[in-house]
Protein backbone atom coordinates (compact mmCIF):
# COMPACT_ATOMS: atom_id res chain seq x y z
CA MET A 1 2.45 9.73 -6.12
CA ASN A 2 5.10 7.06 -5.65
CA ASN A 3 5.16 4.41 -2.95
CA ASN A 4 7.21 1.56 -1.59
CA LEU A 5 4.23 -0.67 -0.86
CA LYS A 6 5.49 -3.61 -2.94
CA LYS A 7 8.86 -3.58 -1.14
CA LEU A 8 7.19 -3.55 2.28
CA ARG A 9 4.74 -6.26 1.27
CA ASP A 10 7.53 -8.43 -0.16
CA GLU A 11 9.54 -8.07 3.06
CA LEU A 12 6.67 -9.80 4.87
CA ASN A 13 6.27 -12.39 2.12
CA LEU A 14 2.66 -11.34 1.53
CA SER A 15 0.93 -11.79 -1.79
CA GLN A 16 -1.20 -8.95 -3.12
CA ASP A 17 -4.26 -11.09 -2.39
CA ALA A 18 -3.26 -11.81 1.21
CA PHE A 19 -2.39 -8.18 1.87
CA SER A 20 -5.57 -6.88 0.27
CA SER A 21 -7.60 -9.03 2.68
CA LYS A 22 -5.76 -7.48 5.63
CA VAL A 23 -6.69 -3.93 4.57
CA ASP A 24 -10.17 -4.78 3.21
CA VAL A 25 -9.71 -3.90 -0.45
CA SER A 26 -9.45 -5.91 -3.67
CA ARG A 27 -6.21 -7.35 -5.00
CA GLN A 28 -6.69 -5.11 -8.04
CA THR A 29 -6.65 -2.04 -5.79
CA ILE A 30 -3.31 -3.09 -4.28
CA ASN A 31 -1.95 -3.78 -7.77
CA SER A 32 -3.07 -0.34 -8.97
CA ILE A 33 -1.51 1.40 -5.97
CA GLU A 34 1.79 -0.46 -6.40
CA ASN A 35 1.90 0.45 -10.10
CA ASN A 36 1.14 4.14 -9.38
CA LYS A 37 -2.15 3.99 -11.27
CA PHE A 38 -4.26 4.77 -8.20
CA ASP A 39 -3.69 6.97 -5.16
CA PRO A 40 -5.37 5.55 -2.05
CA SER A 41 -7.86 7.54 -0.04
CA LEU A 42 -6.63 8.92 3.26
CA PRO A 43 -8.47 6.23 5.28
CA LEU A 44 -6.91 3.48 3.14
CA ALA A 45 -3.45 5.07 3.34
CA MET A 46 -3.85 5.16 7.13
CA LYS A 47 -4.87 1.47 7.21
CA ILE A 48 -1.83 0.55 5.13
CA ALA A 49 0.51 2.64 7.28
CA ASN A 50 -0.93 1.16 10.48
CA PHE A 51 -0.54 -2.36 9.13
CA PHE A 52 3.18 -1.78 8.55
CA ASP A 53 3.54 0.34 11.72
CA LYS A 54 4.87 3.22 9.62
CA ARG A 55 3.91 6.81 8.92
CA ILE A 56 1.98 7.49 5.72
CA GLU A 57 4.95 9.59 4.53
CA ASP A 58 7.22 6.56 4.93
CA ILE A 59 5.14 4.65 2.37
CA PHE A 60 3.71 7.28 0.03
CA PHE A 61 5.66 10.21 -1.37
CA GLU A 62 5.44 12.74 -4.17
CA GLN A 63 7.16 12.17 -7.47
CA GLU A 64 10.11 14.43 -8.08
C-alpha cells in the first residue's frame, strides 16, 4: 500500500518524532509506514486520517 503521509507531515513541518507522539506510536512505526514497509492497522489509519482531517483513502491507497 502506498501513502502520502510524509508529504502531509512535511506540510505541517512535523518531524517523525513529533508526529508519532501525536498518534501514540513510535517514530520507527511512522518511518516504516512512510517507506511502505508497514501497513497501519485500521485504528491507527483512522487516527492518522483524523489528525490530518482527511479520509483514510486520501492518505493510503493501493499500489497500481
